[in-house]
Amino acid sequence: MLIDVDPPDGSAILRLSYPARERQLTAYDAAFLELAKRLNLPLATADKGLLRAAPETGVQLLPKPAIAV
């Protein structure tokens, strides 16, 4: 299995503070949102803040998996 590493981007880090404050996200969650948006990838999360912010920013969410009991 190959893992792609996203190179550090200083300007992307600086752009996180506004969406984090605007959407009441942690910087960590805002980073996930920014990465998904920039790479045009869907986001898998159970975090309430990210579930709310993703559609507001045009980031697609992966469907919640069904859990077999």
Protein backbone atom coordinates (compact mmCIF):
# COMPACT_ATOMS: atom_id res chain seq x y z
CA MET A 1 0.00 0.00 0.00
CA LEU A 2 1.36 3.41 -0.97
CA ILE A 3 0.89 6.48 1.18
CA ASP A 4 0.96 9.91 -0.41
CA VAL A 5 2.47 12.61 1.77
CA ASP A 6 1.19 16.13 1.29
CA PRO A 7 4.20 18.48 1.39
CA PRO A 8 4.13 21.25 4.01
CA ASP A 9 2.57 24.45 2.76
CA GLY A 10 3.21 27.45 4.98
CA SER A 11 0.55 29.57 3.28
CA ALA A 12 -2.09 26.83 3.83
CA ILE A 13 -1.27 26.83 7.53
CA LEU A 14 -1.74 30.59 7.70
CA ARG A 15 -5.13 30.30 5.94
CA LEU A 16 -6.50 27.93 8.62
CA SER A 17 -7.19 30.48 11.34
CA TYR A 18 -10.07 32.24 9.57
CA PRO A 19 -12.12 29.12 8.66
CA ALA A 20 -11.39 27.66 12.08
CA ARG A 21 -12.78 30.75 13.83
CA GLU A 22 -15.59 31.29 11.33
CA ARG A 23 -16.87 27.70 11.67
CA GLN A 24 -15.83 27.18 15.29
CA LEU A 25 -13.41 24.36 14.44
CA THR A 26 -10.12 23.44 16.04
CA ALA A 27 -7.06 24.16 13.91
CA TYR A 28 -6.64 20.39 13.58
CA ASP A 29 -10.18 19.97 12.18
CA ALA A 30 -9.77 23.01 9.93
CA ALA A 31 -6.59 21.39 8.54
CA PHE A 32 -8.51 18.22 7.62
CA LEU A 33 -11.19 20.34 5.95
CA GLU A 34 -8.63 22.41 4.03
CA LEU A 35 -6.78 19.30 2.84
CA ALA A 36 -9.97 17.59 1.67
CA LYS A 37 -11.03 20.75 -0.19
CA ARG A 38 -7.61 21.35 -1.77
CA LEU A 39 -7.19 17.74 -2.93
CA ASN A 40 -10.88 17.45 -3.90
CA LEU A 41 -11.35 14.39 -1.68
CA PRO A 42 -14.36 13.35 0.38
CA LEU A 43 -14.08 13.56 4.16
CA ALA A 44 -14.81 10.72 6.57
CA THR A 45 -15.68 12.04 10.03
CA ALA A 46 -18.00 11.68 12.96
CA ASP A 47 -17.05 15.11 14.32
CA LYS A 48 -20.12 17.34 14.62
CA GLY A 49 -18.24 20.49 13.65
CA LEU A 50 -16.78 18.92 10.52
CA LEU A 51 -20.13 17.34 9.61
CA ARG A 52 -21.61 20.84 9.68
CA ALA A 53 -18.69 22.67 8.02
CA ALA A 54 -17.97 20.26 5.15
CA PRO A 55 -21.15 20.92 3.12
CA GLU A 56 -20.83 24.66 3.84
CA THR A 57 -17.41 24.65 2.15
CA GLY A 58 -18.23 22.29 -0.71
CA VAL A 59 -16.45 19.26 0.76
CA GLN A 60 -18.25 15.98 0.18
CA LEU A 61 -18.75 13.64 3.12
CA LEU A 62 -18.38 9.90 2.87
CA PRO A 63 -21.53 8.05 3.95
CA LYS A 64 -21.56 6.69 7.47
CA PRO A 65 -20.81 2.96 7.34
CA ALA A 66 -23.43 0.54 8.58
CA ILE A 67 -22.26 -1.31 11.68
CA ALA A 68 -23.16 -4.99 11.83
CA VAL A 69 -24.33 -6.17 15.22
